Amino acid sequence: MTLDNRTLYAALMMVSAVMAAALVAFWRRFPEVAGARTIGAAMSSVSVGALLIALRDLAPDFLSIVVSDLLLLGGIILACRAFRARCGLTHRPRFEIAVLGLQTVAVLYLYWATPSVLARVVAFSSVTAVVLAVAAVDLLRAARRGAGTGALGIGITYGLLALFMAVRAVVSPQQGEIESFVTTDHWLQILPTILGIVLAIGIGHAFMTMAFAETDGALRRANESLRRSNVELDRFATVVSHDLKAPLSNVIGFLDLLRTTLTRSGDVRGLEYATEAGRCALHMNKLIGELLAYARLREDAVDPMAPTDLGEVCREALFGLAKQIDETKAAIEISPLPAVPGDHAQLVRLFRNLLDNAIKYRSPARPLRIVVSASREGAAWRVSVTDNGLGVPADERTTIFEPFRRAGNASGIEGTGFGLSISRTIVERHGGRIWCESDPEAGSTFAFTVPAWK
């Protein structure tokens, strides 16, 4: 082999090693992808075979050549198996074992009996052509036209090469001329090996491309289906809320009239029942209103470039809670808050929900104290609303942000279970996240992030 050929093999070895590492990493990252493990093993086999060729001495023994051929063929077989798995086809274990056995017998015969370079090329090319032809038929039957046509084309190339070299071996036999492979620039003799390495690299790249494309397509379809489902759900919630709100308002009105009548007649028990029914109707009306607000919030657009002063937002939210603050004698401390890009009305609602939560879940054992603060964290601001109230149990600090979910210690505390879910929706629509940190002995901190001005 000339120096140029050795350089070529070394380059192919490095490329195949990089591809093998990439495919193994792909398998470790996406173990659920069908065939990912097999394609990693295939490329590893090919890279070892290329390494044997690239690192052998100037006068190698024939064994290093035939072993590398076996590794290359094994890699191609495994790569075809990976494609079958990716396409949902059944494997052909008997065929694969038969092919490897046939190549092994041919290799041993050529090594011990008649070490002919041309015979080696014919054996390797013929077996590889059969492997690719069978894979092409399977892929074409599975309507994988691109992969099937490619495998068929390369298989035909190997078949023609095997036929040409067989004719040449008959016309000018080179039995015993092992040195010709090393010292003569016979490109036809090295072509099958080079083509095998390039083929394996191409198969590995095609596998990853196909897997990413199919995964991306499936993800896009799932996202589109989820988007349609969300739109339909939001529309359903809006329609139902409107349809329920009108008759419920009539029920509340009639209950008010009934309470007035019962008060005049002196029916104490009836008045008690009517009052309780009215309270339940008002709670239902509030719940429907929250559901309607939640649905509208998901539909409304957010202007991410609107400058919003969070200090002003917080003061506006506190103004809407003035009665509750006065009744509970809450001490509220507001640290300097930044201006951020966002929707003013939605951020006011976010602060009102969090402050209202802190007031509702106050501890009867100590005066209520609420601290609102902000700190810079990279490209975002972290805003915290800290109280010394009842706290949130550790196993509920995530579920409380879901619709209709309330903390276990909410018994007897008025609420609909929508406040924190609305808060989470607002924060996420502003490109941030929200979470809860809590100590039942010290209270809770509801923190969220919002992007800072760039």
Protein backbone atom coordinates (compact mmCIF):
# COMPACT_ATOMS: atom_id res chain seq x y z
CA MET A 1 0.00 0.00 0.00
CA THR A 2 1.38 3.41 -0.84
CA LEU A 3 1.59 6.22 1.66
CA ASP A 4 -1.38 7.92 0.02
CA ASN A 5 -3.53 4.84 0.59
CA ARG A 6 -2.43 4.62 4.22
CA THR A 7 -3.30 8.28 4.69
CA LEU A 8 -6.70 7.67 3.14
CA TYR A 9 -7.36 4.73 5.45
CA ALA A 10 -6.22 6.75 8.46
CA ALA A 11 -8.61 9.57 7.53
CA LEU A 12 -11.49 7.12 7.07
CA MET A 13 -10.62 5.49 10.39
CA MET A 14 -10.82 8.84 12.20
CA VAL A 15 -14.12 9.74 10.52
CA SER A 16 -15.61 6.36 11.33
CA ALA A 17 -14.42 6.63 14.95
CA VAL A 18 -16.06 10.05 15.28
CA MET A 19 -19.27 8.70 13.73
CA ALA A 20 -19.18 5.71 16.10
CA ALA A 21 -18.81 8.02 19.10
CA ALA A 22 -21.68 10.17 17.83
CA LEU A 23 -23.96 7.16 17.33
CA VAL A 24 -23.14 5.73 20.76
CA ALA A 25 -23.89 9.14 22.30
CA PHE A 26 -27.12 9.24 20.28
CA TRP A 27 -28.11 5.85 21.66
CA ARG A 28 -27.31 6.88 25.25
CA ARG A 29 -29.32 10.07 24.82
CA PHE A 30 -32.28 8.48 22.98
CA PRO A 31 -32.39 4.83 24.09
CA GLU A 32 -36.06 4.63 23.10
CA VAL A 33 -35.25 5.10 19.39
CA ALA A 34 -35.55 1.72 17.65
CA GLY A 35 -32.20 0.54 16.28
CA ALA A 36 -30.11 3.22 18.02
CA ARG A 37 -28.08 0.69 20.01
CA THR A 38 -27.55 -1.54 16.96
CA ILE A 39 -26.34 1.30 14.73
CA GLY A 40 -23.87 2.33 17.44
CA ALA A 41 -22.49 -1.21 17.57
CA ALA A 42 -22.34 -1.31 13.76
CA MET A 43 -20.28 1.83 13.50
CA SER A 44 -18.00 0.69 16.34
CA SER A 45 -17.28 -2.53 14.43
CA VAL A 46 -16.50 -0.56 11.28
CA SER A 47 -14.21 1.85 13.11
CA VAL A 48 -12.22 -1.06 14.61
CA GLY A 49 -11.92 -2.62 11.16
CA ALA A 50 -10.69 0.67 9.73
CA LEU A 51 -8.23 0.96 12.61
CA LEU A 52 -6.75 -2.46 11.80
CA ILE A 53 -6.19 -1.37 8.20
CA ALA A 54 -4.80 2.06 9.03
CA LEU A 55 -2.32 0.89 11.68
CA ARG A 56 -0.89 -2.26 10.11
CA ASP A 57 2.79 -2.38 9.09
CA LEU A 58 4.11 -1.95 5.55
CA ALA A 59 4.39 -5.73 5.18
CA PRO A 60 1.29 -6.99 6.99
CA ASP A 61 0.11 -10.54 7.22
CA PHE A 62 -3.03 -11.50 5.37
CA LEU A 63 -4.89 -12.05 8.63
CA SER A 64 -5.12 -8.32 9.43
CA ILE A 65 -6.75 -7.76 6.03
CA VAL A 66 -9.37 -10.51 6.28
CA VAL A 67 -10.21 -9.73 9.92
CA SER A 68 -10.83 -6.11 8.98
CA ASP A 69 -13.10 -7.35 6.17
CA LEU A 70 -15.09 -9.42 8.66
CA LEU A 71 -15.46 -6.42 10.96
CA LEU A 72 -16.57 -4.24 8.05
CA LEU A 73 -19.09 -6.82 6.89
CA GLY A 74 -20.37 -7.27 10.45
CA GLY A 75 -20.82 -3.51 10.74
CA ILE A 76 -22.77 -3.37 7.47
CA ILE A 77 -25.00 -6.26 8.59
CA LEU A 78 -25.69 -4.55 11.93
CA ALA A 79 -26.40 -1.26 10.15
CA CYS A 80 -28.97 -2.98 7.92
CA ARG A 81 -30.50 -4.55 11.03
CA ALA A 82 -30.75 -1.09 12.63
CA PHE A 83 -32.59 0.25 9.59
CA ARG A 84 -34.98 -2.71 9.72
CA ALA A 85 -35.68 -1.95 13.38
CA ARG A 86 -36.16 1.74 12.60
CA CYS A 87 -38.67 0.89 9.88
CA GLY A 88 -40.52 -1.63 12.05
CA LEU A 89 -39.37 -4.66 10.02
CA THR A 90 -38.51 -8.07 11.42
CA HIS A 91 -34.88 -9.09 11.69
CA ARG A 92 -33.25 -11.87 9.66
CA PRO A 93 -31.00 -13.59 12.23
CA ARG A 94 -30.60 -16.83 10.24
CA PHE A 95 -29.64 -14.94 7.10
CA GLU A 96 -27.16 -12.76 9.04
CA ILE A 97 -25.53 -15.80 10.67
CA ALA A 98 -25.35 -17.60 7.33
CA VAL A 99 -23.71 -14.61 5.64
CA LEU A 100 -21.13 -14.17 8.40
CA GLY A 101 -20.44 -17.91 8.38
CA LEU A 102 -19.96 -17.91 4.61
CA GLN A 103 -17.57 -14.98 4.78
CA THR A 104 -15.64 -16.60 7.64
CA VAL A 105 -15.24 -19.86 5.70
CA ALA A 106 -14.09 -17.91 2.64
CA VAL A 107 -11.62 -15.93 4.74
CA LEU A 108 -10.13 -19.04 6.36
CA TYR A 109 -9.86 -20.80 3.00
CA LEU A 110 -8.17 -17.79 1.40
CA TYR A 111 -5.76 -17.50 4.31
CA TRP A 112 -4.75 -21.15 4.60
CA ALA A 113 -5.16 -22.54 1.10
CA THR A 114 -4.86 -19.88 -1.58
CA PRO A 115 -4.16 -16.37 -0.27
CA SER A 116 -5.29 -14.47 -3.34
CA VAL A 117 -6.02 -10.76 -3.13
CA LEU A 118 -8.44 -10.87 -6.04
CA ALA A 119 -10.30 -13.78 -4.47
CA ARG A 120 -10.58 -11.80 -1.24
CA VAL A 121 -12.08 -8.87 -3.12
CA VAL A 122 -14.54 -11.15 -4.92
CA ALA A 123 -15.64 -12.83 -1.67
CA PHE A 124 -16.09 -9.59 0.27
CA SER A 125 -17.87 -7.79 -2.57
CA SER A 126 -20.20 -10.71 -3.34
CA VAL A 127 -21.34 -11.19 0.25
CA THR A 128 -21.79 -7.44 0.78
CA ALA A 129 -23.84 -7.21 -2.42
CA VAL A 130 -26.15 -9.97 -1.18
CA VAL A 131 -26.57 -8.30 2.24
CA LEU A 132 -27.45 -4.96 0.64
CA ALA A 133 -29.76 -6.51 -1.92
CA VAL A 134 -31.80 -8.28 0.76
CA ALA A 135 -31.92 -5.09 2.84
CA ALA A 136 -33.02 -3.12 -0.23
CA VAL A 137 -35.88 -5.54 -0.92
CA ASP A 138 -37.08 -5.28 2.69
CA LEU A 139 -36.92 -1.49 2.68
CA LEU A 140 -38.68 -1.14 -0.66
CA ARG A 141 -41.47 -3.45 0.52
CA ALA A 142 -41.85 -1.20 3.55
CA ALA A 143 -42.26 1.83 1.23
CA ARG A 144 -38.88 3.27 2.31
CA ARG A 145 -37.99 4.21 -1.23
CA GLY A 146 -35.06 6.47 -0.44
CA ALA A 147 -33.20 4.04 1.80
CA GLY A 148 -34.21 1.02 -0.31
CA THR A 149 -33.06 2.58 -3.58
CA GLY A 150 -29.76 3.64 -2.03
CA ALA A 151 -29.08 0.16 -0.65
CA LEU A 152 -29.99 -1.40 -4.00
CA GLY A 153 -27.69 0.93 -5.93
CA ILE A 154 -24.70 0.25 -3.70
CA GLY A 155 -25.48 -3.47 -3.71
CA ILE A 156 -25.46 -3.50 -7.53
CA THR A 157 -22.11 -1.64 -7.46
CA TYR A 158 -20.63 -4.31 -5.20
CA GLY A 159 -22.07 -7.04 -7.41
CA LEU A 160 -20.54 -5.56 -10.57
CA LEU A 161 -17.23 -5.13 -8.78
CA ALA A 162 -17.28 -8.77 -7.67
CA LEU A 163 -18.08 -9.91 -11.22
CA PHE A 164 -15.31 -7.78 -12.71
CA MET A 165 -12.71 -8.98 -10.21
CA ALA A 166 -13.78 -12.60 -10.69
CA VAL A 167 -13.23 -12.31 -14.46
CA ARG A 168 -9.89 -10.65 -13.84
CA ALA A 169 -8.85 -13.37 -11.41
CA VAL A 170 -9.55 -15.99 -14.07
CA VAL A 171 -7.71 -14.09 -16.80
CA SER A 172 -4.64 -13.16 -14.69
CA PRO A 173 -4.60 -15.10 -11.42
CA GLN A 174 -2.56 -13.61 -8.56
CA GLN A 175 -2.44 -16.62 -6.26
CA GLY A 176 0.23 -16.18 -3.63
CA GLU A 177 0.87 -12.52 -4.50
CA ILE A 178 -0.01 -11.04 -1.12
CA GLU A 179 2.64 -8.38 -1.57
CA SER A 180 0.76 -6.94 -4.54
CA PHE A 181 -1.81 -5.55 -2.17
CA VAL A 182 0.91 -3.74 -0.26
CA THR A 183 3.27 -2.52 -2.91
CA THR A 184 1.06 -1.96 -5.95
CA ASP A 185 -1.48 0.81 -6.38
CA HIS A 186 -4.34 -1.44 -7.45
CA TRP A 187 -7.29 0.81 -6.75
CA LEU A 188 -9.78 -1.90 -7.66
CA GLN A 189 -8.39 -4.03 -4.86
CA ILE A 190 -8.74 -1.40 -2.17
CA LEU A 191 -12.02 -0.03 -3.49
CA PRO A 192 -14.29 -2.58 -1.70
CA THR A 193 -12.75 -1.80 1.68
CA ILE A 194 -12.90 1.95 1.16
CA LEU A 195 -16.44 1.69 -0.15
CA GLY A 196 -17.42 -0.43 2.85
CA ILE A 197 -16.13 2.17 5.33
CA VAL A 198 -17.76 5.04 3.45
CA LEU A 199 -20.98 3.03 3.17
CA ALA A 200 -21.08 2.42 6.92
CA ILE A 201 -20.43 6.09 7.65
CA GLY A 202 -23.21 7.06 5.24
CA ILE A 203 -25.62 4.58 6.81
CA GLY A 204 -24.87 5.94 10.27
CA HIS A 205 -25.46 9.50 9.13
CA ALA A 206 -28.64 8.52 7.29
CA PHE A 207 -29.93 6.68 10.37
CA MET A 208 -29.48 9.70 12.62
CA THR A 209 -30.98 12.00 9.99
CA MET A 210 -34.00 9.71 9.59
CA ALA A 211 -34.43 9.33 13.35
CA PHE A 212 -34.26 13.07 13.98
CA ALA A 213 -36.59 13.81 11.06
CA GLU A 214 -39.17 11.26 12.20
CA THR A 215 -38.89 12.33 15.82
CA ASP A 216 -39.19 15.98 14.85
CA GLY A 217 -42.18 15.19 12.63
CA ALA A 218 -43.87 13.21 15.39
CA LEU A 219 -43.19 16.04 17.85
CA ARG A 220 -44.62 18.60 15.44
CA ARG A 221 -47.73 16.50 14.92
CA ALA A 222 -48.14 16.01 18.66
CA ASN A 223 -47.69 19.73 19.30
CA GLU A 224 -50.21 20.58 16.61
CA SER A 225 -52.68 18.08 18.04
CA LEU A 226 -52.11 19.47 21.52
CA ARG A 227 -52.55 23.02 20.24
CA ARG A 228 -55.87 22.10 18.60
CA SER A 229 -56.99 20.32 21.74
CA ASN A 230 -56.12 23.35 23.86
CA VAL A 231 -57.97 25.68 21.52
CA GLU A 232 -61.04 23.46 21.58
CA LEU A 233 -60.83 23.12 25.36
CA ASP A 234 -60.50 26.87 25.82
CA ARG A 235 -63.44 27.46 23.47
CA PHE A 236 -65.46 24.85 25.34
CA ALA A 237 -64.63 26.45 28.68
CA THR A 238 -65.61 29.88 27.38
CA VAL A 239 -68.92 28.68 25.96
CA VAL A 240 -69.80 26.65 29.04
CA SER A 241 -68.90 29.51 31.35
CA HIS A 242 -71.11 31.92 29.43
CA ASP A 243 -73.99 29.44 29.26
CA LEU A 244 -73.80 28.70 32.99
CA LYS A 245 -73.32 32.25 34.16
CA ALA A 246 -76.66 33.58 32.89
CA PRO A 247 -78.95 30.99 34.56
CA LEU A 248 -76.82 31.04 37.71
CA SER A 249 -77.31 34.79 37.98
CA ASN A 250 -81.06 34.17 37.81
CA VAL A 251 -80.78 31.58 40.59
CA ILE A 252 -78.88 34.04 42.78
CA GLY A 253 -81.52 36.71 42.10
CA PHE A 254 -84.40 34.38 43.01
CA LEU A 255 -82.60 33.28 46.17
CA ASP A 256 -82.27 36.91 47.22
CA LEU A 257 -86.03 37.34 46.72
CA LEU A 258 -86.67 34.13 48.65
CA ARG A 259 -84.53 35.34 51.58
CA THR A 260 -86.44 38.59 51.65
CA THR A 261 -89.77 36.74 51.70
CA LEU A 262 -88.61 34.32 54.41
CA THR A 263 -87.32 37.18 56.53
CA ARG A 264 -90.72 38.87 56.41
CA SER A 265 -92.54 35.63 57.22
CA GLY A 266 -90.23 34.81 60.11
CA ASP A 267 -89.29 31.34 58.80
CA VAL A 268 -85.88 31.02 60.47
CA ARG A 269 -85.05 27.53 59.22
CA GLY A 270 -86.11 28.32 55.66
CA LEU A 271 -84.03 31.50 55.77
CA GLU A 272 -81.04 29.48 56.93
CA TYR A 273 -81.42 27.07 54.01
CA ALA A 274 -81.87 29.90 51.50
CA THR A 275 -78.82 31.70 52.86
CA GLU A 276 -76.67 28.58 52.54
CA ALA A 277 -77.96 27.97 49.01
CA GLY A 278 -77.15 31.57 48.12
CA ARG A 279 -73.63 31.19 49.49
CA CYS A 280 -73.08 28.06 47.38
CA ALA A 281 -74.51 29.81 44.31
CA LEU A 282 -72.15 32.76 44.81
CA HIS A 283 -69.20 30.37 45.15
CA MET A 284 -70.25 28.62 41.95
CA ASN A 285 -70.57 31.98 40.22
CA LYS A 286 -67.08 32.93 41.32
CA LEU A 287 -65.72 29.56 40.18
CA ILE A 288 -67.30 30.00 36.73
CA GLY A 289 -65.82 33.49 36.56
CA GLU A 290 -62.35 32.13 37.34
CA LEU A 291 -62.77 29.41 34.72
CA LEU A 292 -63.81 32.01 32.16
CA ALA A 293 -60.84 34.21 33.10
CA TYR A 294 -58.49 31.23 32.83
CA ALA A 295 -59.80 30.37 29.35
CA ARG A 296 -59.59 33.99 28.18
CA LEU A 297 -56.10 34.33 29.59
CA ARG A 298 -54.87 31.41 27.50
CA GLU A 299 -56.40 32.97 24.37
CA ASP A 300 -55.25 36.56 24.91
CA ALA A 301 -51.96 37.63 23.37
CA VAL A 302 -49.14 39.11 25.40
CA ASP A 303 -47.11 42.06 24.18
CA PRO A 304 -43.61 41.06 25.37
CA MET A 305 -42.15 44.47 24.50
CA ALA A 306 -44.52 46.61 26.59
CA PRO A 307 -42.45 48.23 29.41
CA THR A 308 -44.06 47.43 32.76
CA ASP A 309 -42.95 48.81 36.13
CA LEU A 310 -43.41 45.97 38.63
CA GLY A 311 -43.38 48.48 41.51
CA GLU A 312 -46.44 50.19 40.04
CA VAL A 313 -48.00 46.81 39.30
CA CYS A 314 -47.55 45.71 42.92
CA ARG A 315 -49.05 48.95 44.31
CA GLU A 316 -52.07 48.58 42.02
CA ALA A 317 -52.58 45.00 43.21
CA LEU A 318 -52.34 46.13 46.85
CA PHE A 319 -54.94 48.85 46.21
CA GLY A 320 -57.39 46.17 45.06
CA LEU A 321 -56.75 44.22 48.29
CA ALA A 322 -56.96 47.21 50.64
CA LYS A 323 -59.98 45.86 52.50
CA GLN A 324 -58.40 42.47 53.21
CA ILE A 325 -55.13 44.11 54.24
CA ASP A 326 -56.94 46.42 56.63
CA GLU A 327 -58.99 43.60 58.15
CA THR A 328 -55.97 41.36 58.76
CA LYS A 329 -53.66 44.26 59.75
CA ALA A 330 -50.99 42.76 57.47
CA ALA A 331 -47.55 44.37 57.45
CA ILE A 332 -46.34 44.51 53.84
CA GLU A 333 -42.80 45.44 52.83
CA ILE A 334 -42.02 46.17 49.18
CA SER A 335 -38.40 46.25 48.03
CA PRO A 336 -37.45 48.15 44.85
CA LEU A 337 -38.87 46.27 41.86
CA PRO A 338 -37.59 46.47 38.27
CA ALA A 339 -39.29 47.33 35.00
CA VAL A 340 -39.71 44.33 32.73
CA PRO A 341 -41.28 43.59 29.33
CA GLY A 342 -44.79 42.28 29.83
CA ASP A 343 -48.55 42.77 29.96
CA HIS A 344 -49.53 45.26 32.67
CA ALA A 345 -53.03 43.90 33.35
CA GLN A 346 -51.90 40.28 33.53
CA LEU A 347 -48.99 41.11 35.84
CA VAL A 348 -51.36 43.03 38.14
CA ARG A 349 -53.51 39.91 38.33
CA LEU A 350 -50.42 37.80 39.06
CA PHE A 351 -49.39 40.00 42.02
CA ARG A 352 -52.99 40.20 43.29
CA ASN A 353 -53.29 36.40 43.24
CA LEU A 354 -50.03 35.87 45.11
CA LEU A 355 -50.73 38.59 47.70
CA ASP A 356 -54.32 37.39 48.15
CA ASN A 357 -52.98 33.88 48.71
CA ALA A 358 -50.60 35.12 51.39
CA ILE A 359 -53.48 36.91 53.16
CA LYS A 360 -55.84 33.91 52.97
CA TYR A 361 -53.31 31.39 54.25
CA ARG A 362 -52.12 33.48 57.19
CA SER A 363 -51.25 31.84 60.48
CA PRO A 364 -53.47 32.62 63.48
CA ALA A 365 -50.42 32.22 65.72
CA ARG A 366 -48.55 35.35 64.51
CA PRO A 367 -49.22 38.71 62.88
CA LEU A 368 -49.15 38.52 59.10
CA ARG A 369 -46.04 39.87 57.41
CA ILE A 370 -45.49 39.89 53.63
CA VAL A 371 -42.27 40.83 51.83
CA VAL A 372 -42.10 41.48 48.08
CA SER A 373 -38.56 41.54 46.67
CA ALA A 374 -36.62 41.08 43.44
CA SER A 375 -33.11 39.99 42.48
CA ARG A 376 -31.28 39.68 39.16
CA GLU A 377 -30.48 36.14 37.96
CA GLY A 378 -28.61 36.25 34.66
CA ALA A 379 -30.93 37.37 31.88
CA ALA A 380 -34.02 37.34 34.13
CA TRP A 381 -35.42 38.87 37.29
CA ARG A 382 -36.54 36.68 40.17
CA VAL A 383 -39.50 38.17 42.05
CA SER A 384 -40.47 36.70 45.43
CA VAL A 385 -43.58 37.09 47.58
CA THR A 386 -42.70 35.80 51.05
CA ASP A 387 -45.11 35.41 53.97
CA ASN A 388 -45.04 33.93 57.47
CA GLY A 389 -48.30 32.04 57.05
CA LEU A 390 -49.34 28.39 57.22
CA GLY A 391 -46.93 27.10 54.58
CA VAL A 392 -47.49 24.43 51.96
CA PRO A 393 -46.87 20.68 52.49
CA ALA A 394 -43.82 19.41 50.59
CA ASP A 395 -45.81 16.96 48.44
CA GLU A 396 -48.21 19.68 47.27
CA ARG A 397 -45.79 22.42 46.20
CA THR A 398 -46.14 21.40 42.54
CA THR A 399 -49.77 20.27 42.37
CA ILE A 400 -51.13 23.54 43.79
CA PHE A 401 -50.38 25.18 40.42
CA GLU A 402 -52.87 22.87 38.65
CA PRO A 403 -56.50 23.95 38.08
CA PHE A 404 -58.98 23.02 40.83
CA ARG A 405 -56.12 21.95 43.14
CA ARG A 406 -55.74 23.45 46.60
CA ALA A 407 -53.39 22.78 49.47
CA GLY A 408 -54.45 20.21 52.06
CA ASN A 409 -54.55 22.88 54.78
CA ALA A 410 -57.09 24.97 52.79
CA SER A 411 -60.10 23.56 54.64
CA GLY A 412 -62.38 26.40 55.69
CA ILE A 413 -60.49 28.96 53.56
CA GLU A 414 -62.43 30.55 50.71
CA GLY A 415 -61.07 29.88 47.23
CA THR A 416 -61.70 28.26 43.85
CA GLY A 417 -58.41 26.48 43.15
CA PHE A 418 -57.74 28.62 40.09
CA GLY A 419 -55.60 31.44 41.46
CA LEU A 420 -52.21 29.73 41.24
CA SER A 421 -52.98 28.01 37.94
CA ILE A 422 -53.80 31.42 36.47
CA SER A 423 -50.58 32.76 37.98
CA ARG A 424 -48.57 29.99 36.37
CA THR A 425 -50.19 30.65 32.99
CA ILE A 426 -49.35 34.36 33.23
CA VAL A 427 -45.72 33.68 34.17
CA GLU A 428 -45.22 31.08 31.44
CA ARG A 429 -46.74 33.41 28.83
CA HIS A 430 -44.11 35.95 29.86
CA GLY A 431 -41.31 33.43 29.32
CA GLY A 432 -40.66 32.62 32.99
CA ARG A 433 -41.43 29.96 35.55
CA ILE A 434 -43.04 29.93 38.99
CA TRP A 435 -42.48 27.72 42.01
CA CYS A 436 -43.09 27.48 45.74
CA GLU A 437 -40.61 27.23 48.59
CA SER A 438 -42.14 26.60 52.00
CA ASP A 439 -41.46 25.85 55.64
CA PRO A 440 -44.61 25.08 57.67
CA GLU A 441 -42.98 26.71 60.69
CA ALA A 442 -41.93 29.92 58.89
CA GLY A 443 -44.30 30.39 55.93
CA SER A 444 -44.00 30.30 52.16
CA THR A 445 -42.19 32.01 49.31
CA PHE A 446 -43.81 32.09 45.89
CA ALA A 447 -41.12 33.05 43.40
CA PHE A 448 -41.29 33.59 39.67
CA THR A 449 -38.94 34.76 36.94
CA VAL A 450 -39.51 37.22 34.11
CA PRO A 451 -37.04 38.14 31.36
CA ALA A 452 -35.07 41.33 31.90
CA TRP A 453 -34.66 44.06 29.29
CA LYS A 454 -31.85 43.20 26.91
